[in-house]
Amino acid sequence: MSAKVTVDRARTASFDVDAQNTFTPVCPDELPVAGGTEIVPELNAMARLASLRLGSKDAHSPKAVWVADADNPPLSPLTGHANADIRWPVHAVPGTKGFELIDGLPPVESYDFFVWKGVEPHMHPYGACYHDLANRMSTGVIEFLRDRGIDTVLVGGLATDYCVKNTALQLREAGFRVVLNLAACRGVAPDTTAQAIEAMRAAGVILVESAAEIHSK
């Protein structure tokens, strides 16, 4: 499944995608992903192999149009909104425990670039490179990486089958070499996670089992 890779540290960035408590058992009433808190050592190991560290967070209103309710359960389709496709429980609300990064990660201000996404109540993007589902409104990630001469991005975070997948695919579409660290990710469900991994592989994303399989020179 994986391949050992060599990267040039000066031209490599690491990306912690939505590594927030909202996607871990720390917040069981939000969107807990089994093993979500376990990814921290691998994310930190990735960062040591890169010259820049990027991060992203979901930042959602509790009154967003996509919030699930008794009549519209989680994962049910949402119509009438170009930038929100399905229903989700309330999660990643600024000021709550779920919004915070997982313990063991650096403070937000220590990152070289950071993205907050989904702030608008009618928008629920997945990838961290664009604010909209059509990939038209840049968050600035791609431009930042190009400006800094980065050609390789090491990716990990939560969850594999949604935000991590979409971020990796957006970076590949932008022309970057993308290395997905499987040990630095966890998925929502086995079937969708497997599908996501295949989609990323098909797009040219390099898969490694852990940061130990990445050599930085």
C-alpha atoms as a PDB file:
ATOM      1  CA  MET A   1       0.000   0.000   0.000  1.00  0.00           C
ATOM      2  CA  SER A   2       2.731   2.482   0.887  1.00  0.00           C
ATOM      3  CA  ALA A   3       6.099   3.552  -0.486  1.00  0.00           C
ATOM      4  CA  LYS A   4       9.121   5.100   1.193  1.00  0.00           C
ATOM      5  CA  VAL A   5       9.726   8.612  -0.072  1.00  0.00           C
ATOM      6  CA  THR A   6      12.449  11.230   0.120  1.00  0.00           C
ATOM      7  CA  VAL A   7      11.627  14.904   0.457  1.00  0.00           C
ATOM      8  CA  ASP A   8      13.649  18.105   0.336  1.00  0.00           C
ATOM      9  CA  ARG A   9      12.916  19.745   3.691  1.00  0.00           C
ATOM     10  CA  ALA A  10      13.375  23.264   2.313  1.00  0.00           C
ATOM     11  CA  ARG A  11      10.658  22.642  -0.273  1.00  0.00           C
ATOM     12  CA  THR A  12       8.316  20.622   1.937  1.00  0.00           C
ATOM     13  CA  ALA A  13       5.376  21.698   4.112  1.00  0.00           C
ATOM     14  CA  SER A  14       3.310  19.649   6.543  1.00  0.00           C
ATOM     15  CA  PHE A  15      -0.446  20.166   6.841  1.00  0.00           C
ATOM     16  CA  ASP A  16      -2.543  19.364   9.933  1.00  0.00           C
ATOM     17  CA  VAL A  17      -6.055  19.206   8.503  1.00  0.00           C
ATOM     18  CA  ASP A  18      -8.837  19.863  11.044  1.00  0.00           C
ATOM     19  CA  ALA A  19      -7.002  18.182  13.921  1.00  0.00           C
ATOM     20  CA  GLN A  20      -9.648  19.375  16.392  1.00  0.00           C
ATOM     21  CA  ASN A  21     -11.338  17.863  19.418  1.00  0.00           C
ATOM     22  CA  THR A  22     -14.669  18.007  17.592  1.00  0.00           C
ATOM     23  CA  PHE A  23     -13.558  15.014  15.524  1.00  0.00           C
ATOM     24  CA  THR A  24     -12.389  12.942  18.504  1.00  0.00           C
ATOM     25  CA  PRO A  25     -13.963  11.064  21.428  1.00  0.00           C
ATOM     26  CA  VAL A  26     -13.178  14.141  23.557  1.00  0.00           C
ATOM     27  CA  CYS A  27     -16.441  15.529  22.125  1.00  0.00           C
ATOM     28  CA  PRO A  28     -18.780  12.520  21.895  1.00  0.00           C
ATOM     29  CA  ASP A  29     -21.817  14.624  20.981  1.00  0.00           C
ATOM     30  CA  GLU A  30     -20.173  16.238  17.954  1.00  0.00           C
ATOM     31  CA  LEU A  31     -18.433  14.150  15.254  1.00  0.00           C
ATOM     32  CA  PRO A  32     -16.156  11.767  17.176  1.00  0.00           C
ATOM     33  CA  VAL A  33     -13.800   9.660  15.077  1.00  0.00           C
ATOM     34  CA  ALA A  34     -12.381   6.578  16.763  1.00  0.00           C
ATOM     35  CA  GLY A  35      -8.711   7.093  17.570  1.00  0.00           C
ATOM     36  CA  GLY A  36      -8.848  10.767  16.647  1.00  0.00           C
ATOM     37  CA  THR A  37      -6.570  11.877  19.485  1.00  0.00           C
ATOM     38  CA  GLU A  38      -3.934   9.287  18.513  1.00  0.00           C
ATOM     39  CA  ILE A  39      -2.710  11.187  15.454  1.00  0.00           C
ATOM     40  CA  VAL A  40      -0.796  13.898  17.330  1.00  0.00           C
ATOM     41  CA  PRO A  41       2.643  12.176  17.501  1.00  0.00           C
ATOM     42  CA  GLU A  42       2.547  11.496  13.764  1.00  0.00           C
ATOM     43  CA  LEU A  43       1.496  15.050  12.915  1.00  0.00           C
ATOM     44  CA  ASN A  44       4.370  16.366  15.019  1.00  0.00           C
ATOM     45  CA  ALA A  45       6.772  13.918  13.357  1.00  0.00           C
ATOM     46  CA  MET A  46       5.628  15.152   9.934  1.00  0.00           C
ATOM     47  CA  ALA A  47       6.283  18.743  10.939  1.00  0.00           C
ATOM     48  CA  ARG A  48       9.885  17.914  11.836  1.00  0.00           C
ATOM     49  CA  LEU A  49      10.410  16.753   8.247  1.00  0.00           C
ATOM     50  CA  ALA A  50       9.194  20.035   6.754  1.00  0.00           C
ATOM     51  CA  SER A  51      10.233  23.687   6.698  1.00  0.00           C
ATOM     52  CA  LEU A  52       6.671  25.008   7.074  1.00  0.00           C
ATOM     53  CA  ARG A  53       3.710  23.821   9.144  1.00  0.00           C
ATOM     54  CA  LEU A  54       0.168  24.581   8.038  1.00  0.00           C
ATOM     55  CA  GLY A  55      -3.113  23.893   9.770  1.00  0.00           C
ATOM     56  CA  SER A  56      -6.839  24.247   9.362  1.00  0.00           C
ATOM     57  CA  LYS A  57      -9.938  24.243  11.510  1.00  0.00           C
ATOM     58  CA  ASP A  58     -13.638  23.988  10.945  1.00  0.00           C
ATOM     59  CA  ALA A  59     -15.258  27.090  12.456  1.00  0.00           C
ATOM     60  CA  HIS A  60     -19.033  26.705  12.364  1.00  0.00           C
ATOM     61  CA  SER A  61     -22.116  28.545  13.551  1.00  0.00           C
ATOM     62  CA  PRO A  62     -24.541  26.509  15.697  1.00  0.00           C
ATOM     63  CA  LYS A  63     -27.274  28.021  13.505  1.00  0.00           C
ATOM     64  CA  ALA A  64     -25.798  26.957  10.158  1.00  0.00           C
ATOM     65  CA  VAL A  65     -28.235  25.908   7.436  1.00  0.00           C
ATOM     66  CA  TRP A  66     -26.791  22.385   7.391  1.00  0.00           C
ATOM     67  CA  VAL A  67     -27.383  21.586  11.084  1.00  0.00           C
ATOM     68  CA  ALA A  68     -29.223  18.281  11.535  1.00  0.00           C
ATOM     69  CA  ASP A  69     -32.466  18.052  13.489  1.00  0.00           C
ATOM     70  CA  ALA A  70     -35.213  15.554  14.258  1.00  0.00           C
ATOM     71  CA  ASP A  71     -36.644  15.817  10.756  1.00  0.00           C
ATOM     72  CA  ASN A  72     -33.280  15.983   8.971  1.00  0.00           C
ATOM     73  CA  PRO A  73     -30.781  13.523  10.465  1.00  0.00           C
ATOM     74  CA  PRO A  74     -27.020  13.659   9.995  1.00  0.00           C
ATOM     75  CA  LEU A  75     -25.792  12.785   6.478  1.00  0.00           C
ATOM     76  CA  SER A  76     -29.220  13.428   4.947  1.00  0.00           C
ATOM     77  CA  PRO A  77     -29.154  15.504   1.723  1.00  0.00           C
ATOM     78  CA  LEU A  78     -29.488  19.270   1.880  1.00  0.00           C
ATOM     79  CA  THR A  79     -30.965  21.056  -1.110  1.00  0.00           C
ATOM     80  CA  GLY A  80     -31.113  24.699  -2.100  1.00  0.00           C
ATOM     81  CA  HIS A  81     -27.599  25.597  -0.979  1.00  0.00           C
ATOM     82  CA  ALA A  82     -24.701  25.573  -3.424  1.00  0.00           C
ATOM     83  CA  ASN A  83     -22.057  25.305  -0.717  1.00  0.00           C
ATOM     84  CA  ALA A  84     -23.581  22.882   1.767  1.00  0.00           C
ATOM     85  CA  ASP A  85     -24.546  19.432   0.566  1.00  0.00           C
ATOM     86  CA  ILE A  86     -25.549  17.291   3.562  1.00  0.00           C
ATOM     87  CA  ARG A  87     -26.631  17.635   7.200  1.00  0.00           C
ATOM     88  CA  TRP A  88     -24.235  17.432  10.137  1.00  0.00           C
ATOM     89  CA  PRO A  89     -24.539  17.698  13.920  1.00  0.00           C
ATOM     90  CA  VAL A  90     -23.461  20.995  15.437  1.00  0.00           C
ATOM     91  CA  HIS A  91     -19.681  20.883  15.704  1.00  0.00           C
ATOM     92  CA  ALA A  92     -16.507  22.992  15.852  1.00  0.00           C
ATOM     93  CA  VAL A  93     -18.231  26.068  17.261  1.00  0.00           C
ATOM     94  CA  PRO A  94     -15.657  28.770  18.128  1.00  0.00           C
ATOM     95  CA  GLY A  95     -15.228  29.105  21.868  1.00  0.00           C
ATOM     96  CA  THR A  96     -16.052  25.465  22.603  1.00  0.00           C
ATOM     97  CA  LYS A  97     -13.825  22.500  23.449  1.00  0.00           C
ATOM     98  CA  GLY A  98     -14.579  20.992  20.057  1.00  0.00           C
ATOM     99  CA  PHE A  99     -13.129  23.995  18.273  1.00  0.00           C
ATOM    100  CA  GLU A 100      -9.764  23.592  19.986  1.00  0.00           C
ATOM    101  CA  LEU A 101      -6.832  21.708  18.510  1.00  0.00           C
ATOM    102  CA  ILE A 102      -6.130  18.281  20.003  1.00  0.00           C
ATOM    103  CA  ASP A 103      -3.874  18.350  23.049  1.00  0.00           C
ATOM    104  CA  GLY A 104      -0.228  17.994  22.097  1.00  0.00           C
ATOM    105  CA  LEU A 105      -0.391  20.141  18.975  1.00  0.00           C
ATOM    106  CA  PRO A 106       1.178  23.601  18.986  1.00  0.00           C
ATOM    107  CA  PRO A 107      -0.902  26.727  19.538  1.00  0.00           C
ATOM    108  CA  VAL A 108      -2.490  28.157  16.402  1.00  0.00           C
ATOM    109  CA  GLU A 109      -0.159  31.160  16.376  1.00  0.00           C
ATOM    110  CA  SER A 110       2.855  28.852  16.093  1.00  0.00           C
ATOM    111  CA  TYR A 111       1.789  27.625  12.647  1.00  0.00           C
ATOM    112  CA  ASP A 112       3.211  29.286   9.539  1.00  0.00           C
ATOM    113  CA  PHE A 113      -0.218  29.476   7.892  1.00  0.00           C
ATOM    114  CA  PHE A 114      -3.663  28.661   9.210  1.00  0.00           C
ATOM    115  CA  VAL A 115      -7.132  28.373   7.666  1.00  0.00           C
ATOM    116  CA  TRP A 116     -10.524  28.692   9.327  1.00  0.00           C
ATOM    117  CA  LYS A 117     -13.270  27.310   7.091  1.00  0.00           C
ATOM    118  CA  GLY A 118     -17.034  27.066   7.118  1.00  0.00           C
ATOM    119  CA  VAL A 119     -17.462  30.327   9.003  1.00  0.00           C
ATOM    120  CA  GLU A 120     -20.388  31.438   6.852  1.00  0.00           C
ATOM    121  CA  PRO A 121     -23.645  29.762   8.034  1.00  0.00           C
ATOM    122  CA  HIS A 122     -24.586  28.741   4.497  1.00  0.00           C
ATOM    123  CA  MET A 123     -21.198  27.235   3.587  1.00  0.00           C
ATOM    124  CA  HIS A 124     -19.728  23.873   4.600  1.00  0.00           C
ATOM    125  CA  PRO A 125     -16.547  23.180   2.624  1.00  0.00           C
ATOM    126  CA  TYR A 126     -14.419  20.096   3.230  1.00  0.00           C
ATOM    127  CA  GLY A 127     -11.047  20.796   1.675  1.00  0.00           C
ATOM    128  CA  ALA A 128      -8.878  23.475   3.272  1.00  0.00           C
ATOM    129  CA  CYS A 129      -7.768  25.070   0.005  1.00  0.00           C
ATOM    130  CA  TYR A 130     -11.129  26.592  -0.978  1.00  0.00           C
ATOM    131  CA  HIS A 131     -14.035  28.165   0.881  1.00  0.00           C
ATOM    132  CA  ASP A 132     -16.629  26.813  -1.555  1.00  0.00           C
ATOM    133  CA  LEU A 133     -17.540  23.371  -2.877  1.00  0.00           C
ATOM    134  CA  ALA A 134     -16.781  24.358  -6.475  1.00  0.00           C
ATOM    135  CA  ASN A 135     -13.128  25.123  -5.643  1.00  0.00           C
ATOM    136  CA  ARG A 136     -13.302  28.745  -6.830  1.00  0.00           C
ATOM    137  CA  MET A 137     -12.765  30.812  -3.663  1.00  0.00           C
ATOM    138  CA  SER A 138      -9.207  30.235  -2.497  1.00  0.00           C
ATOM    139  CA  THR A 139      -8.324  30.224   1.196  1.00  0.00           C
ATOM    140  CA  GLY A 140      -4.809  31.315   0.221  1.00  0.00           C
ATOM    141  CA  VAL A 141      -3.122  27.994   0.992  1.00  0.00           C
ATOM    142  CA  ILE A 142      -2.094  27.231  -2.576  1.00  0.00           C
ATOM    143  CA  GLU A 143      -0.789  30.737  -3.191  1.00  0.00           C
ATOM    144  CA  PHE A 144       1.151  30.705   0.090  1.00  0.00           C
ATOM    145  CA  LEU A 145       2.822  27.392  -0.741  1.00  0.00           C
ATOM    146  CA  ARG A 146       3.762  28.511  -4.236  1.00  0.00           C
ATOM    147  CA  ASP A 147       5.150  31.805  -2.951  1.00  0.00           C
ATOM    148  CA  ARG A 148       7.371  29.942  -0.489  1.00  0.00           C
ATOM    149  CA  GLY A 149       8.734  27.581  -3.155  1.00  0.00           C
ATOM    150  CA  ILE A 150       7.064  24.479  -1.717  1.00  0.00           C
ATOM    151  CA  ASP A 151       6.623  21.508  -4.045  1.00  0.00           C
ATOM    152  CA  THR A 152       5.744  18.716  -1.571  1.00  0.00           C
ATOM    153  CA  VAL A 153       3.034  18.675   1.114  1.00  0.00           C
ATOM    154  CA  LEU A 154       2.803  16.047   3.867  1.00  0.00           C
ATOM    155  CA  VAL A 155      -0.834  15.651   4.863  1.00  0.00           C
ATOM    156  CA  GLY A 156      -2.578  14.253   7.926  1.00  0.00           C
ATOM    157  CA  GLY A 157      -5.615  15.058  10.047  1.00  0.00           C
ATOM    158  CA  LEU A 158      -9.310  14.362  10.439  1.00  0.00           C
ATOM    159  CA  ALA A 159     -11.150  12.816   8.899  1.00  0.00           C
ATOM    160  CA  THR A 160      -9.556  10.728   6.147  1.00  0.00           C
ATOM    161  CA  ASP A 161     -12.770  10.295   4.175  1.00  0.00           C
ATOM    162  CA  TYR A 162     -13.867  13.928   4.153  1.00  0.00           C
ATOM    163  CA  CYS A 163     -11.647  16.936   4.858  1.00  0.00           C
ATOM    164  CA  VAL A 164      -8.312  15.139   4.530  1.00  0.00           C
ATOM    165  CA  LYS A 165      -9.296  13.551   1.225  1.00  0.00           C
ATOM    166  CA  ASN A 166     -10.580  16.785  -0.253  1.00  0.00           C
ATOM    167  CA  THR A 167      -7.568  18.789   0.885  1.00  0.00           C
ATOM    168  CA  ALA A 168      -5.165  16.234  -0.586  1.00  0.00           C
ATOM    169  CA  LEU A 169      -7.035  16.179  -3.895  1.00  0.00           C
ATOM    170  CA  GLN A 170      -7.103  19.980  -4.060  1.00  0.00           C
ATOM    171  CA  LEU A 171      -3.353  20.124  -3.500  1.00  0.00           C
ATOM    172  CA  ARG A 172      -2.756  17.505  -6.188  1.00  0.00           C
ATOM    173  CA  GLU A 173      -4.968  19.407  -8.620  1.00  0.00           C
ATOM    174  CA  ALA A 174      -2.835  22.482  -7.911  1.00  0.00           C
ATOM    175  CA  GLY A 175       0.274  20.535  -8.937  1.00  0.00           C
ATOM    176  CA  PHE A 176       1.879  19.694  -5.613  1.00  0.00           C
ATOM    177  CA  ARG A 177       3.459  16.381  -4.734  1.00  0.00           C
ATOM    178  CA  VAL A 178       1.251  15.154  -1.904  1.00  0.00           C
ATOM    179  CA  VAL A 179       2.244  12.537   0.649  1.00  0.00           C
ATOM    180  CA  LEU A 180      -0.548  11.190   2.858  1.00  0.00           C
ATOM    181  CA  ASN A 181       0.612   9.841   6.217  1.00  0.00           C
ATOM    182  CA  LEU A 182      -1.929   7.145   7.062  1.00  0.00           C
ATOM    183  CA  ALA A 183      -0.841   7.002  10.706  1.00  0.00           C
ATOM    184  CA  ALA A 184      -1.621  10.720  11.018  1.00  0.00           C
ATOM    185  CA  CYS A 185      -5.237  10.226   9.880  1.00  0.00           C
ATOM    186  CA  ARG A 186      -8.389   8.513  11.057  1.00  0.00           C
ATOM    187  CA  GLY A 187     -11.584   7.968   9.076  1.00  0.00           C
ATOM    188  CA  VAL A 188     -15.272   8.150   9.918  1.00  0.00           C
ATOM    189  CA  ALA A 189     -16.211   4.757   8.463  1.00  0.00           C
ATOM    190  CA  PRO A 190     -14.207   1.863   6.987  1.00  0.00           C
ATOM    191  CA  ASP A 191     -15.973   1.830   3.606  1.00  0.00           C
ATOM    192  CA  THR A 192     -15.783   5.565   2.922  1.00  0.00           C
ATOM    193  CA  THR A 193     -12.209   5.657   4.217  1.00  0.00           C
ATOM    194  CA  ALA A 194     -11.195   2.886   1.813  1.00  0.00           C
ATOM    195  CA  GLN A 195     -12.906   4.723  -1.040  1.00  0.00           C
ATOM    196  CA  ALA A 196     -11.143   7.946  -0.107  1.00  0.00           C
ATOM    197  CA  ILE A 197      -7.747   6.253  -0.042  1.00  0.00           C
ATOM    198  CA  GLU A 198      -8.345   4.781  -3.491  1.00  0.00           C
ATOM    199  CA  ALA A 199      -9.481   8.154  -4.848  1.00  0.00           C
ATOM    200  CA  MET A 200      -6.335   9.802  -3.510  1.00  0.00           C
ATOM    201  CA  ARG A 201      -4.118   7.046  -4.857  1.00  0.00           C
ATOM    202  CA  ALA A 202      -5.752   7.361  -8.268  1.00  0.00           C
ATOM    203  CA  ALA A 203      -5.056  11.099  -8.229  1.00  0.00           C
ATOM    204  CA  GLY A 204      -1.364  10.498  -7.596  1.00  0.00           C
ATOM    205  CA  VAL A 205      -1.213  11.010  -3.843  1.00  0.00           C
ATOM    206  CA  ILE A 206       1.673   9.038  -2.334  1.00  0.00           C
ATOM    207  CA  LEU A 207       0.657   6.888   0.636  1.00  0.00           C
ATOM    208  CA  VAL A 208       2.953   6.048   3.539  1.00  0.00           C
ATOM    209  CA  GLU A 209       2.146   4.065   6.666  1.00  0.00           C
ATOM    210  CA  SER A 210       3.894   6.527   8.990  1.00  0.00           C
ATOM    211  CA  ALA A 211       6.312   9.432   9.113  1.00  0.00           C
ATOM    212  CA  ALA A 212       9.118   6.886   9.556  1.00  0.00           C
ATOM    213  CA  GLU A 213       8.758   6.095   5.860  1.00  0.00           C
ATOM    214  CA  ILE A 214       9.536   9.686   4.878  1.00  0.00           C
ATOM    215  CA  HIS A 215      13.199  10.679   4.615  1.00  0.00           C
ATOM    216  CA  SER A 216      13.961  14.402   4.745  1.00  0.00           C
ATOM    217  CA  LYS A 217      17.223  15.699   3.317  1.00  0.00           C
END
